PDB file of N, CA and C in Angstrom:
ATOM      1  N   MET A   1      14.885  16.930  -1.169  1.00  0.00           N
ATOM      2  CA  MET A   1      13.510  17.045  -1.611  1.00  0.00           C
ATOM      3  C   MET A   1      12.611  17.124  -0.371  1.00  0.00           C
ATOM      4  N   SER A   2      11.650  18.015  -0.401  1.00  0.00           N
ATOM      5  CA  SER A   2      10.741  18.167   0.739  1.00  0.00           C
ATOM      6  C   SER A   2       9.707  17.039   0.742  1.00  0.00           C
ATOM      7  N   LYS A   3       9.116  16.830   1.913  1.00  0.00           N
ATOM      8  CA  LYS A   3       8.120  15.774   2.057  1.00  0.00           C
ATOM      9  C   LYS A   3       6.783  16.225   1.490  1.00  0.00           C
ATOM     10  N   GLY A   4       6.101  15.302   0.808  1.00  0.00           N
ATOM     11  CA  GLY A   4       4.756  15.563   0.322  1.00  0.00           C
ATOM     12  C   GLY A   4       3.765  15.336   1.455  1.00  0.00           C
ATOM     13  N   ILE A   5       2.524  15.700   1.213  1.00  0.00           N
ATOM     14  CA  ILE A   5       1.481  15.528   2.221  1.00  0.00           C
ATOM     15  C   ILE A   5       0.383  14.646   1.638  1.00  0.00           C
ATOM     16  N   LEU A   6       0.045  13.591   2.383  1.00  0.00           N
ATOM     17  CA  LEU A   6      -1.024  12.682   1.982  1.00  0.00           C
ATOM     18  C   LEU A   6      -2.163  12.757   2.985  1.00  0.00           C
ATOM     19  N   GLY A   7      -3.373  12.491   2.520  1.00  0.00           N
ATOM     20  CA  GLY A   7      -4.515  12.328   3.404  1.00  0.00           C
ATOM     21  C   GLY A   7      -4.650  10.857   3.756  1.00  0.00           C
ATOM     22  N   LEU A   8      -5.716  10.493   4.436  1.00  0.00           N
ATOM     23  CA  LEU A   8      -5.912   9.094   4.814  1.00  0.00           C
ATOM     24  C   LEU A   8      -6.288   8.216   3.620  1.00  0.00           C
ATOM     25  N   ILE A   9      -6.949   8.805   2.630  1.00  0.00           N
ATOM     26  CA  ILE A   9      -7.331   8.078   1.417  1.00  0.00           C
ATOM     27  C   ILE A   9      -6.658   8.774   0.233  1.00  0.00           C
ATOM     28  N   GLU A  10      -5.988   7.994  -0.612  1.00  0.00           N
ATOM     29  CA  GLU A  10      -5.293   8.549  -1.765  1.00  0.00           C
ATOM     30  C   GLU A  10      -5.520   7.687  -2.997  1.00  0.00           C
ATOM     31  N   LYS A  11      -5.555   8.325  -4.157  1.00  0.00           N
ATOM     32  CA  LYS A  11      -5.557   7.614  -5.434  1.00  0.00           C
ATOM     33  C   LYS A  11      -4.100   7.268  -5.732  1.00  0.00           C
ATOM     34  N   VAL A  12      -3.860   6.017  -6.112  1.00  0.00           N
ATOM     35  CA  VAL A  12      -2.503   5.602  -6.440  1.00  0.00           C
ATOM     36  C   VAL A  12      -2.484   4.900  -7.788  1.00  0.00           C
ATOM     37  N   LYS A  13      -1.297   4.847  -8.373  1.00  0.00           N
ATOM     38  CA  LYS A  13      -1.071   4.100  -9.607  1.00  0.00           C
ATOM     39  C   LYS A  13       0.067   3.123  -9.341  1.00  0.00           C
ATOM     40  N   ILE A  14      -0.137   1.887  -9.765  1.00  0.00           N
ATOM     41  CA  ILE A  14       0.909   0.877  -9.703  1.00  0.00           C
ATOM     42  C   ILE A  14       1.503   0.777 -11.102  1.00  0.00           C
ATOM     43  N   HIS A  15       2.818   0.966 -11.193  1.00  0.00           N
ATOM     44  CA  HIS A  15       3.525   0.905 -12.480  1.00  0.00           C
ATOM     45  C   HIS A  15       4.324  -0.395 -12.540  1.00  0.00           C
ATOM     46  N   ASN A  16       4.196  -1.114 -13.667  1.00  0.00           N
ATOM     47  CA  ASN A  16       4.981  -2.324 -13.845  1.00  0.00           C
ATOM     48  C   ASN A  16       5.152  -2.612 -15.326  1.00  0.00           C
ATOM     49  N   ASN A  17       6.374  -2.507 -15.817  1.00  0.00           N
ATOM     50  CA  ASN A  17       6.702  -2.821 -17.212  1.00  0.00           C
ATOM     51  C   ASN A  17       5.757  -2.155 -18.213  1.00  0.00           C
ATOM     52  N   GLY A  18       5.526  -0.861 -18.037  1.00  0.00           N
ATOM     53  CA  GLY A  18       4.668  -0.107 -18.943  1.00  0.00           C
ATOM     54  C   GLY A  18       3.187  -0.217 -18.648  1.00  0.00           C
ATOM     55  N   LYS A  19       2.792  -1.109 -17.768  1.00  0.00           N
ATOM     56  CA  LYS A  19       1.393  -1.273 -17.383  1.00  0.00           C
ATOM     57  C   LYS A  19       1.118  -0.391 -16.172  1.00  0.00           C
ATOM     58  N   VAL A  20      -0.033   0.286 -16.164  1.00  0.00           N
ATOM     59  CA  VAL A  20      -0.424   1.144 -15.045  1.00  0.00           C
ATOM     60  C   VAL A  20      -1.813   0.726 -14.570  1.00  0.00           C
ATOM     61  N   VAL A  21      -1.929   0.454 -13.270  1.00  0.00           N
ATOM     62  CA  VAL A  21      -3.196   0.076 -12.664  1.00  0.00           C
ATOM     63  C   VAL A  21      -3.503   1.085 -11.564  1.00  0.00           C
ATOM     64  N   GLU A  22      -4.714   1.644 -11.576  1.00  0.00           N
ATOM     65  CA  GLU A  22      -5.105   2.652 -10.589  1.00  0.00           C
ATOM     66  C   GLU A  22      -6.042   2.063  -9.549  1.00  0.00           C
ATOM     67  N   ALA A  23      -5.925   2.575  -8.304  1.00  0.00           N
ATOM     68  CA  ALA A  23      -6.800   2.117  -7.220  1.00  0.00           C
ATOM     69  C   ALA A  23      -6.763   3.132  -6.086  1.00  0.00           C
ATOM     70  N   ASP A  24      -7.727   3.015  -5.182  1.00  0.00           N
ATOM     71  CA  ASP A  24      -7.722   3.825  -3.965  1.00  0.00           C
ATOM     72  C   ASP A  24      -6.904   3.111  -2.903  1.00  0.00           C
ATOM     73  N   ALA A  25      -6.253   3.901  -2.052  1.00  0.00           N
ATOM     74  CA  ALA A  25      -5.422   3.341  -0.987  1.00  0.00           C
ATOM     75  C   ALA A  25      -5.746   4.019   0.336  1.00  0.00           C
ATOM     76  N   LEU A  26      -5.630   3.233   1.396  1.00  0.00           N
ATOM     77  CA  LEU A  26      -5.761   3.735   2.759  1.00  0.00           C
ATOM     78  C   LEU A  26      -4.361   3.925   3.316  1.00  0.00           C
ATOM     79  N   VAL A  27      -4.068   5.104   3.833  1.00  0.00           N
ATOM     80  CA  VAL A  27      -2.775   5.372   4.457  1.00  0.00           C
ATOM     81  C   VAL A  27      -2.861   4.926   5.911  1.00  0.00           C
ATOM     82  N   ASP A  28      -1.945   4.043   6.315  1.00  0.00           N
ATOM     83  CA  ASP A  28      -1.976   3.471   7.661  1.00  0.00           C
ATOM     84  C   ASP A  28      -0.595   3.582   8.298  1.00  0.00           C
ATOM     85  N   THR A  29      -0.428   4.571   9.169  1.00  0.00           N
ATOM     86  CA  THR A  29       0.870   4.770   9.821  1.00  0.00           C
ATOM     87  C   THR A  29       1.175   3.660  10.823  1.00  0.00           C
ATOM     88  N   GLY A  30       0.204   2.828  11.140  1.00  0.00           N
ATOM     89  CA  GLY A  30       0.419   1.708  12.043  1.00  0.00           C
ATOM     90  C   GLY A  30       0.916   0.457  11.335  1.00  0.00           C
ATOM     91  N   ALA A  31       0.885   0.460  10.017  1.00  0.00           N
ATOM     92  CA  ALA A  31       1.340  -0.691   9.238  1.00  0.00           C
ATOM     93  C   ALA A  31       2.801  -0.506   8.847  1.00  0.00           C
ATOM     94  N   ALA A  32       3.617  -1.494   9.131  1.00  0.00           N
ATOM     95  CA  ALA A  32       5.042  -1.408   8.798  1.00  0.00           C
ATOM     96  C   ALA A  32       5.265  -1.430   7.294  1.00  0.00           C
ATOM     97  N   MET A  33       4.490  -2.261   6.577  1.00  0.00           N
ATOM     98  CA  MET A  33       4.725  -2.456   5.158  1.00  0.00           C
ATOM     99  C   MET A  33       3.465  -2.204   4.343  1.00  0.00           C
ATOM    100  N   THR A  34       3.650  -1.703   3.162  1.00  0.00           N
ATOM    101  CA  THR A  34       2.568  -1.503   2.204  1.00  0.00           C
ATOM    102  C   THR A  34       2.012  -2.869   1.805  1.00  0.00           C
ATOM    103  N   SER A  35       0.686  -2.929   1.607  1.00  0.00           N
ATOM    104  CA  SER A  35       0.024  -4.180   1.267  1.00  0.00           C
ATOM    105  C   SER A  35      -0.889  -3.973   0.060  1.00  0.00           C
ATOM    106  N   ILE A  36      -0.889  -4.934  -0.854  1.00  0.00           N
ATOM    107  CA  ILE A  36      -1.674  -4.844  -2.089  1.00  0.00           C
ATOM    108  C   ILE A  36      -2.546  -6.088  -2.215  1.00  0.00           C
ATOM    109  N   ASP A  37      -3.783  -5.896  -2.657  1.00  0.00           N
ATOM    110  CA  ASP A  37      -4.711  -6.996  -2.870  1.00  0.00           C
ATOM    111  C   ASP A  37      -4.169  -7.946  -3.946  1.00  0.00           C
ATOM    112  N   LEU A  38      -4.382  -9.237  -3.743  1.00  0.00           N
ATOM    113  CA  LEU A  38      -3.888 -10.250  -4.677  1.00  0.00           C
ATOM    114  C   LEU A  38      -4.433 -10.068  -6.095  1.00  0.00           C
ATOM    115  N   ASP A  39      -5.727  -9.753  -6.227  1.00  0.00           N
ATOM    116  CA  ASP A  39      -6.307  -9.567  -7.558  1.00  0.00           C
ATOM    117  C   ASP A  39      -5.694  -8.368  -8.273  1.00  0.00           C
ATOM    118  N   LEU A  40      -5.459  -7.294  -7.528  1.00  0.00           N
ATOM    119  CA  LEU A  40      -4.832  -6.101  -8.101  1.00  0.00           C
ATOM    120  C   LEU A  40      -3.391  -6.405  -8.510  1.00  0.00           C
ATOM    121  N   ALA A  41      -2.686  -7.167  -7.688  1.00  0.00           N
ATOM    122  CA  ALA A  41      -1.307  -7.559  -8.002  1.00  0.00           C
ATOM    123  C   ALA A  41      -1.264  -8.409  -9.272  1.00  0.00           C
ATOM    124  N   THR A  42      -2.255  -9.283  -9.422  1.00  0.00           N
ATOM    125  CA  THR A  42      -2.339 -10.108 -10.626  1.00  0.00           C
ATOM    126  C   THR A  42      -2.612  -9.240 -11.845  1.00  0.00           C
ATOM    127  N   GLU A  43      -3.537  -8.294 -11.713  1.00  0.00           N
ATOM    128  CA  GLU A  43      -3.863  -7.382 -12.821  1.00  0.00           C
ATOM    129  C   GLU A  43      -2.636  -6.568 -13.239  1.00  0.00           C
ATOM    130  N   ALA A  44      -1.831  -6.134 -12.258  1.00  0.00           N
ATOM    131  CA  ALA A  44      -0.630  -5.345 -12.543  1.00  0.00           C
ATOM    132  C   ALA A  44       0.559  -6.224 -12.910  1.00  0.00           C
ATOM    133  N   GLN A  45       0.374  -7.534 -12.857  1.00  0.00           N
ATOM    134  CA  GLN A  45       1.414  -8.514 -13.180  1.00  0.00           C
ATOM    135  C   GLN A  45       2.667  -8.312 -12.332  1.00  0.00           C
ATOM    136  N   LEU A  46       2.451  -8.136 -11.013  1.00  0.00           N
ATOM    137  CA  LEU A  46       3.569  -7.937 -10.100  1.00  0.00           C
ATOM    138  C   LEU A  46       4.300  -9.251  -9.851  1.00  0.00           C
ATOM    139  N   GLY A  47       5.571  -9.148  -9.576  1.00  0.00           N
ATOM    140  CA  GLY A  47       6.394 -10.309  -9.270  1.00  0.00           C
ATOM    141  C   GLY A  47       7.767 -10.107  -9.864  1.00  0.00           C
ATOM    142  N   PRO A  48       8.667 -10.987  -9.584  1.00  0.00           N
ATOM    143  CA  PRO A  48       8.528 -12.216  -8.819  1.00  0.00           C
ATOM    144  C   PRO A  48       8.524 -11.946  -7.308  1.00  0.00           C
ATOM    145  N   VAL A  49       8.160 -12.969  -6.550  1.00  0.00           N
ATOM    146  CA  VAL A  49       8.179 -12.878  -5.096  1.00  0.00           C
ATOM    147  C   VAL A  49       9.634 -12.865  -4.643  1.00  0.00           C
ATOM    148  N   LYS A  50      10.006 -11.847  -3.838  1.00  0.00           N
ATOM    149  CA  LYS A  50      11.381 -11.703  -3.330  1.00  0.00           C
ATOM    150  C   LYS A  50      11.616 -12.513  -2.067  1.00  0.00           C
ATOM    151  N   ARG A  51      10.610 -12.519  -1.202  1.00  0.00           N
ATOM    152  CA  ARG A  51      10.733 -13.163   0.100  1.00  0.00           C
ATOM    153  C   ARG A  51       9.340 -13.228   0.713  1.00  0.00           C
ATOM    154  N   THR A  52       9.244 -13.689   1.951  1.00  0.00           N
ATOM    155  CA  THR A  52       7.975 -13.636   2.663  1.00  0.00           C
ATOM    156  C   THR A  52       8.133 -12.724   3.872  1.00  0.00           C
ATOM    157  N   PHE A  53       7.007 -12.223   4.366  1.00  0.00           N
ATOM    158  CA  PHE A  53       6.971 -11.276   5.477  1.00  0.00           C
ATOM    159  C   PHE A  53       5.985 -11.800   6.500  1.00  0.00           C
ATOM    160  N   LYS A  54       6.414 -11.872   7.750  1.00  0.00           N
ATOM    161  CA  LYS A  54       5.558 -12.377   8.820  1.00  0.00           C
ATOM    162  C   LYS A  54       4.706 -11.229   9.356  1.00  0.00           C
ATOM    163  N   VAL A  55       3.383 -11.433   9.384  1.00  0.00           N
ATOM    164  CA  VAL A  55       2.443 -10.415   9.857  1.00  0.00           C
ATOM    165  C   VAL A  55       1.609 -11.004  10.987  1.00  0.00           C
ATOM    166  N   LYS A  56       1.499 -10.237  12.084  1.00  0.00           N
ATOM    167  CA  LYS A  56       0.659 -10.661  13.203  1.00  0.00           C
ATOM    168  C   LYS A  56      -0.611  -9.823  13.198  1.00  0.00           C
ATOM    169  N   ALA A  57      -1.760 -10.495  13.156  1.00  0.00           N
ATOM    170  CA  ALA A  57      -3.053  -9.801  13.176  1.00  0.00           C
ATOM    171  C   ALA A  57      -3.231  -9.118  14.529  1.00  0.00           C
ATOM    172  N   PRO A  58      -3.620  -7.831  14.539  1.00  0.00           N
ATOM    173  CA  PRO A  58      -3.703  -7.093  15.793  1.00  0.00           C
ATOM    174  C   PRO A  58      -4.750  -7.613  16.776  1.00  0.00           C
ATOM    175  N   ILE A  59      -5.855  -8.135  16.298  1.00  0.00           N
ATOM    176  CA  ILE A  59      -6.921  -8.578  17.195  1.00  0.00           C
ATOM    177  C   ILE A  59      -6.754 -10.050  17.579  1.00  0.00           C
ATOM    178  N   THR A  60      -6.607 -10.914  16.575  1.00  0.00           N
ATOM    179  CA  THR A  60      -6.531 -12.354  16.847  1.00  0.00           C
ATOM    180  C   THR A  60      -5.133 -12.817  17.248  1.00  0.00           C
ATOM    181  N   LYS A  61      -4.136 -12.006  16.976  1.00  0.00           N
ATOM    182  CA  LYS A  61      -2.728 -12.332  17.253  1.00  0.00           C
ATOM    183  C   LYS A  61      -2.222 -13.514  16.421  1.00  0.00           C
ATOM    184  N   SER A  62      -3.007 -13.934  15.421  1.00  0.00           N
ATOM    185  CA  SER A  62      -2.541 -15.015  14.551  1.00  0.00           C
ATOM    186  C   SER A  62      -1.444 -14.478  13.629  1.00  0.00           C
ATOM    187  N   VAL A  63      -0.525 -15.351  13.263  1.00  0.00           N
ATOM    188  CA  VAL A  63       0.610 -14.960  12.436  1.00  0.00           C
ATOM    189  C   VAL A  63       0.461 -15.612  11.066  1.00  0.00           C
ATOM    190  N   GLU A  64       0.724 -14.831  10.021  1.00  0.00           N
ATOM    191  CA  GLU A  64       0.695 -15.392   8.671  1.00  0.00           C
ATOM    192  C   GLU A  64       1.912 -14.910   7.894  1.00  0.00           C
ATOM    193  N   GLN A  65       2.321 -15.713   6.945  1.00  0.00           N
ATOM    194  CA  GLN A  65       3.420 -15.358   6.049  1.00  0.00           C
ATOM    195  C   GLN A  65       2.817 -14.832   4.755  1.00  0.00           C
ATOM    196  N   ARG A  66       3.278 -13.662   4.308  1.00  0.00           N
ATOM    197  CA  ARG A  66       2.775 -13.087   3.058  1.00  0.00           C
ATOM    198  C   ARG A  66       3.921 -12.934   2.063  1.00  0.00           C
ATOM    199  N   PRO A  67       3.643 -13.177   0.777  1.00  0.00           N
ATOM    200  CA  PRO A  67       4.665 -12.948  -0.240  1.00  0.00           C
ATOM    201  C   PRO A  67       4.949 -11.453  -0.381  1.00  0.00           C
ATOM    202  N   VAL A  68       6.206 -11.124  -0.699  1.00  0.00           N
ATOM    203  CA  VAL A  68       6.628  -9.728  -0.853  1.00  0.00           C
ATOM    204  C   VAL A  68       7.210  -9.540  -2.250  1.00  0.00           C
ATOM    205  N   VAL A  69       6.786  -8.449  -2.917  1.00  0.00           N
ATOM    206  CA  VAL A  69       7.295  -8.090  -4.245  1.00  0.00           C
ATOM    207  C   VAL A  69       7.785  -6.652  -4.222  1.00  0.00           C
ATOM    208  N   MET A  70       8.627  -6.301  -5.178  1.00  0.00           N
ATOM    209  CA  MET A  70       9.005  -4.905  -5.384  1.00  0.00           C
ATOM    210  C   MET A  70       7.980  -4.298  -6.335  1.00  0.00           C
ATOM    211  N   VAL A  71       7.582  -3.057  -6.039  1.00  0.00           N
ATOM    212  CA  VAL A  71       6.561  -2.403  -6.851  1.00  0.00           C
ATOM    213  C   VAL A  71       6.856  -0.906  -6.902  1.00  0.00           C
ATOM    214  N   THR A  72       6.520  -0.287  -8.027  1.00  0.00           N
ATOM    215  CA  THR A  72       6.612   1.162  -8.148  1.00  0.00           C
ATOM    216  C   THR A  72       5.213   1.728  -7.989  1.00  0.00           C
ATOM    217  N   ILE A  73       5.041   2.546  -6.950  1.00  0.00           N
ATOM    218  CA  ILE A  73       3.746   3.144  -6.657  1.00  0.00           C
ATOM    219  C   ILE A  73       3.847   4.643  -6.855  1.00  0.00           C
ATOM    220  N   GLU A  74       2.888   5.195  -7.599  1.00  0.00           N
ATOM    221  CA  GLU A  74       2.813   6.642  -7.786  1.00  0.00           C
ATOM    222  C   GLU A  74       1.700   7.170  -6.888  1.00  0.00           C
ATOM    223  N   VAL A  75       2.069   8.062  -5.986  1.00  0.00           N
ATOM    224  CA  VAL A  75       1.112   8.658  -5.056  1.00  0.00           C
ATOM    225  C   VAL A  75       1.620  10.056  -4.706  1.00  0.00           C
ATOM    226  N   GLY A  76       0.702  10.985  -4.546  1.00  0.00           N
ATOM    227  CA  GLY A  76       1.100  12.345  -4.187  1.00  0.00           C
ATOM    228  C   GLY A  76       2.054  12.977  -5.174  1.00  0.00           C
ATOM    229  N   GLY A  77       1.952  12.581  -6.456  1.00  0.00           N
ATOM    230  CA  GLY A  77       2.799  13.150  -7.495  1.00  0.00           C
ATOM    231  C   GLY A  77       4.210  12.587  -7.528  1.00  0.00           C
ATOM    232  N   ARG A  78       4.480  11.526  -6.780  1.00  0.00           N
ATOM    233  CA  ARG A  78       5.818  10.922  -6.749  1.00  0.00           C
ATOM    234  C   ARG A  78       5.732   9.433  -7.057  1.00  0.00           C
ATOM    235  N   LYS A  79       6.739   8.936  -7.766  1.00  0.00           N
ATOM    236  CA  LYS A  79       6.866   7.503  -8.009  1.00  0.00           C
ATOM    237  C   LYS A  79       7.910   6.964  -7.046  1.00  0.00           C
ATOM    238  N   ILE A  80       7.527   5.941  -6.294  1.00  0.00           N
ATOM    239  CA  ILE A  80       8.420   5.380  -5.287  1.00  0.00           C
ATOM    240  C   ILE A  80       8.460   3.869  -5.452  1.00  0.00           C
ATOM    241  N   GLU A  81       9.671   3.308  -5.519  1.00  0.00           N
ATOM    242  CA  GLU A  81       9.830   1.863  -5.554  1.00  0.00           C
ATOM    243  C   GLU A  81       9.914   1.361  -4.123  1.00  0.00           C
ATOM    244  N   VAL A  82       9.083   0.376  -3.804  1.00  0.00           N
ATOM    245  CA  VAL A  82       8.952  -0.071  -2.425  1.00  0.00           C
ATOM    246  C   VAL A  82       8.579  -1.551  -2.394  1.00  0.00           C
ATOM    247  N   GLU A  83       8.892  -2.215  -1.286  1.00  0.00           N
ATOM    248  CA  GLU A  83       8.414  -3.579  -1.087  1.00  0.00           C
ATOM    249  C   GLU A  83       6.950  -3.520  -0.660  1.00  0.00           C
ATOM    250  N   ALA A  84       6.171  -4.482  -1.139  1.00  0.00           N
ATOM    251  CA  ALA A  84       4.767  -4.587  -0.727  1.00  0.00           C
ATOM    252  C   ALA A  84       4.432  -6.053  -0.534  1.00  0.00           C
ATOM    253  N   ASN A  85       3.660  -6.328   0.522  1.00  0.00           N
ATOM    254  CA  ASN A  85       3.206  -7.708   0.696  1.00  0.00           C
ATOM    255  C   ASN A  85       1.863  -7.868   0.005  1.00  0.00           C
ATOM    256  N   LEU A  86       1.571  -9.100  -0.372  1.00  0.00           N
ATOM    257  CA  LEU A  86       0.341  -9.399  -1.104  1.00  0.00           C
ATOM    258  C   LEU A  86      -0.604 -10.187  -0.209  1.00  0.00           C
ATOM    259  N   LYS A  87      -1.882  -9.757  -0.217  1.00  0.00           N
ATOM    260  CA  LYS A  87      -2.885 -10.372   0.650  1.00  0.00           C
ATOM    261  C   LYS A  87      -4.258 -10.221  -0.006  1.00  0.00           C
ATOM    262  N   ASP A  88      -5.141 -11.156   0.268  1.00  0.00           N
ATOM    263  CA  ASP A  88      -6.520 -11.038  -0.197  1.00  0.00           C
ATOM    264  C   ASP A  88      -7.188  -9.926   0.607  1.00  0.00           C
ATOM    265  N   ARG A  89      -7.421  -8.785  -0.026  1.00  0.00           N
ATOM    266  CA  ARG A  89      -8.071  -7.644   0.613  1.00  0.00           C
ATOM    267  C   ARG A  89      -9.468  -7.434   0.020  1.00  0.00           C
ATOM    268  N   SER A  90     -10.030  -8.447  -0.642  1.00  0.00           N
ATOM    269  CA  SER A  90     -11.313  -8.292  -1.325  1.00  0.00           C
ATOM    270  C   SER A  90     -12.450  -7.958  -0.362  1.00  0.00           C
ATOM    271  N   HIS A  91     -12.320  -8.317   0.889  1.00  0.00           N
ATOM    272  CA  HIS A  91     -13.360  -8.016   1.879  1.00  0.00           C
ATOM    273  C   HIS A  91     -13.173  -6.624   2.500  1.00  0.00           C
ATOM    274  N   MET A  92     -12.127  -5.924   2.095  1.00  0.00           N
ATOM    275  CA  MET A  92     -11.855  -4.592   2.637  1.00  0.00           C
ATOM    276  C   MET A  92     -12.205  -3.530   1.604  1.00  0.00           C
ATOM    277  N   LYS A  93     -12.477  -2.325   2.066  1.00  0.00           N
ATOM    278  CA  LYS A  93     -12.900  -1.239   1.188  1.00  0.00           C
ATOM    279  C   LYS A  93     -11.778  -0.772   0.257  1.00  0.00           C
ATOM    280  N   TYR A  94     -10.545  -0.806   0.750  1.00  0.00           N
ATOM    281  CA  TYR A  94      -9.420  -0.285  -0.036  1.00  0.00           C
ATOM    282  C   TYR A  94      -8.465  -1.412  -0.409  1.00  0.00           C
ATOM    283  N   PRO A  95      -8.177  -1.580  -1.715  1.00  0.00           N
ATOM    284  CA  PRO A  95      -7.318  -2.685  -2.151  1.00  0.00           C
ATOM    285  C   PRO A  95      -5.834  -2.485  -1.851  1.00  0.00           C
ATOM    286  N   ILE A  96      -5.462  -1.261  -1.473  1.00  0.00           N
ATOM    287  CA  ILE A  96      -4.060  -0.981  -1.143  1.00  0.00           C
ATOM    288  C   ILE A  96      -4.004  -0.307   0.218  1.00  0.00           C
ATOM    289  N   LEU A  97      -3.041  -0.730   1.001  1.00  0.00           N
ATOM    290  CA  LEU A  97      -2.774  -0.097   2.281  1.00  0.00           C
ATOM    291  C   LEU A  97      -1.356   0.456   2.193  1.00  0.00           C
ATOM    292  N   ILE A  98      -1.207   1.762   2.355  1.00  0.00           N
ATOM    293  CA  ILE A  98       0.116   2.387   2.300  1.00  0.00           C
ATOM    294  C   ILE A  98       0.702   2.373   3.708  1.00  0.00           C
ATOM    295  N   GLY A  99       1.821   1.676   3.851  1.00  0.00           N
ATOM    296  CA  GLY A  99       2.469   1.541   5.150  1.00  0.00           C
ATOM    297  C   GLY A  99       3.648   2.493   5.326  1.00  0.00           C
ATOM    298  N   ARG A 100       4.268   2.380   6.498  1.00  0.00           N
ATOM    299  CA  ARG A 100       5.379   3.268   6.847  1.00  0.00           C
ATOM    300  C   ARG A 100       6.564   3.143   5.901  1.00  0.00           C
ATOM    301  N   ASN A 101       6.771   1.968   5.300  1.00  0.00           N
ATOM    302  CA  ASN A 101       7.932   1.828   4.422  1.00  0.00           C
ATOM    303  C   ASN A 101       7.837   2.732   3.192  1.00  0.00           C
ATOM    304  N   LEU A 102       6.640   3.095   2.782  1.00  0.00           N
ATOM    305  CA  LEU A 102       6.484   4.045   1.670  1.00  0.00           C
ATOM    306  C   LEU A 102       6.465   5.489   2.185  1.00  0.00           C
ATOM    307  N   LEU A 103       5.900   5.708   3.356  1.00  0.00           N
ATOM    308  CA  LEU A 103       5.787   7.054   3.913  1.00  0.00           C
ATOM    309  C   LEU A 103       7.132   7.618   4.359  1.00  0.00           C
ATOM    310  N   TYR A 104       7.996   6.766   4.933  1.00  0.00           N
ATOM    311  CA  TYR A 104       9.250   7.185   5.541  1.00  0.00           C
ATOM    312  C   TYR A 104      10.102   8.016   4.584  1.00  0.00           C
ATOM    313  N   ARG A 105      10.449   9.206   5.020  1.00  0.00           N
ATOM    314  CA  ARG A 105      11.278  10.171   4.280  1.00  0.00           C
ATOM    315  C   ARG A 105      10.611  10.742   3.035  1.00  0.00           C
ATOM    316  N   ASN A 106       9.365  10.347   2.761  1.00  0.00           N
ATOM    317  CA  ASN A 106       8.680  10.822   1.558  1.00  0.00           C
ATOM    318  C   ASN A 106       7.459  11.680   1.837  1.00  0.00           C
ATOM    319  N   PHE A 107       6.674  11.314   2.881  1.00  0.00           N
ATOM    320  CA  PHE A 107       5.395  11.972   3.097  1.00  0.00           C
ATOM    321  C   PHE A 107       5.094  12.218   4.565  1.00  0.00           C
ATOM    322  N   LEU A 108       4.270  13.219   4.800  1.00  0.00           N
ATOM    323  CA  LEU A 108       3.608  13.441   6.080  1.00  0.00           C
ATOM    324  C   LEU A 108       2.131  13.151   5.849  1.00  0.00           C
ATOM    325  N   VAL A 109       1.409  12.805   6.908  1.00  0.00           N
ATOM    326  CA  VAL A 109      -0.015  12.505   6.782  1.00  0.00           C
ATOM    327  C   VAL A 109      -0.810  13.610   7.462  1.00  0.00           C
ATOM    328  N   ASP A 110      -1.761  14.188   6.723  1.00  0.00           N
ATOM    329  CA  ASP A 110      -2.618  15.251   7.238  1.00  0.00           C
ATOM    330  C   ASP A 110      -4.067  14.768   7.154  1.00  0.00           C
ATOM    331  N   ILE A 111      -4.653  14.446   8.315  1.00  0.00           N
ATOM    332  CA  ILE A 111      -6.016  13.912   8.290  1.00  0.00           C
ATOM    333  C   ILE A 111      -7.040  14.938   7.844  1.00  0.00           C
ATOM    334  N   GLU A 112      -6.723  16.223   7.904  1.00  0.00           N
ATOM    335  CA  GLU A 112      -7.651  17.249   7.413  1.00  0.00           C
ATOM    336  C   GLU A 112      -7.770  17.204   5.896  1.00  0.00           C
ATOM    337  N   LYS A 113      -6.842  16.551   5.231  1.00  0.00           N
ATOM    338  CA  LYS A 113      -6.859  16.420   3.786  1.00  0.00           C
ATOM    339  C   LYS A 113      -7.737  15.245   3.354  1.00  0.00           C
ATOM    340  N   SER A 114      -8.370  14.573   4.316  1.00  0.00           N
ATOM    341  CA  SER A 114      -9.105  13.339   4.081  1.00  0.00           C
ATOM    342  C   SER A 114     -10.606  13.538   4.160  1.00  0.00           C
ATOM    343  N   PRO A 115     -11.361  12.574   3.630  1.00  0.00           N
ATOM    344  CA  PRO A 115     -12.816  12.617   3.821  1.00  0.00           C
ATOM    345  C   PRO A 115     -13.149  12.589   5.310  1.00  0.00           C
ATOM    346  N   GLU A 116     -14.301  13.126   5.659  1.00  0.00           N
ATOM    347  CA  GLU A 116     -14.689  13.195   7.078  1.00  0.00           C
ATOM    348  C   GLU A 116     -14.756  11.832   7.742  1.00  0.00           C
ATOM    349  N   LYS A 117     -15.277  10.846   7.042  1.00  0.00           N
ATOM    350  CA  LYS A 117     -15.431   9.523   7.642  1.00  0.00           C
ATOM    351  C   LYS A 117     -14.690   8.495   6.814  1.00  0.00           C
ATOM    352  N   VAL A 118     -13.760   7.806   7.447  1.00  0.00           N
ATOM    353  CA  VAL A 118     -13.002   6.770   6.763  1.00  0.00           C
ATOM    354  C   VAL A 118     -13.381   5.434   7.368  1.00  0.00           C
ATOM    355  N   GLU A 119     -13.812   4.512   6.519  1.00  0.00           N
ATOM    356  CA  GLU A 119     -14.180   3.190   6.992  1.00  0.00           C
ATOM    357  C   GLU A 119     -13.312   2.153   6.311  1.00  0.00           C
ATOM    358  N   GLN A 120     -12.945   1.132   7.034  1.00  0.00           N
ATOM    359  CA  GLN A 120     -12.131   0.062   6.472  1.00  0.00           C
ATOM    360  C   GLN A 120     -12.971  -1.100   6.126  1.00  0.00           C
TER     361      GLN A 120
END
């Protein structure tokens, strides 16, 4: 199967046991793992927690442990099952961050396909 093309901002659907929740996502090739806002995860009834994932903040260098769940995300016309960590993203513009674990072998990123100005 050929790779799809995503822009920096994409509409995504989270699928879980017949429930579908839609949200905007920021594509971040610098993020190892996909991340979902806690409120959105609750709305989609994601779980159970499989493990925790250690994340180091790029600016403060502080380390935090985040819960990780399996989730089916539909983006770019494809449904992909992937691990995602859960974090309070309510202070951020996009409730989902698409990381390399979802992009790998599935998508290329084309910034020309994106809005002119992307703010986090």
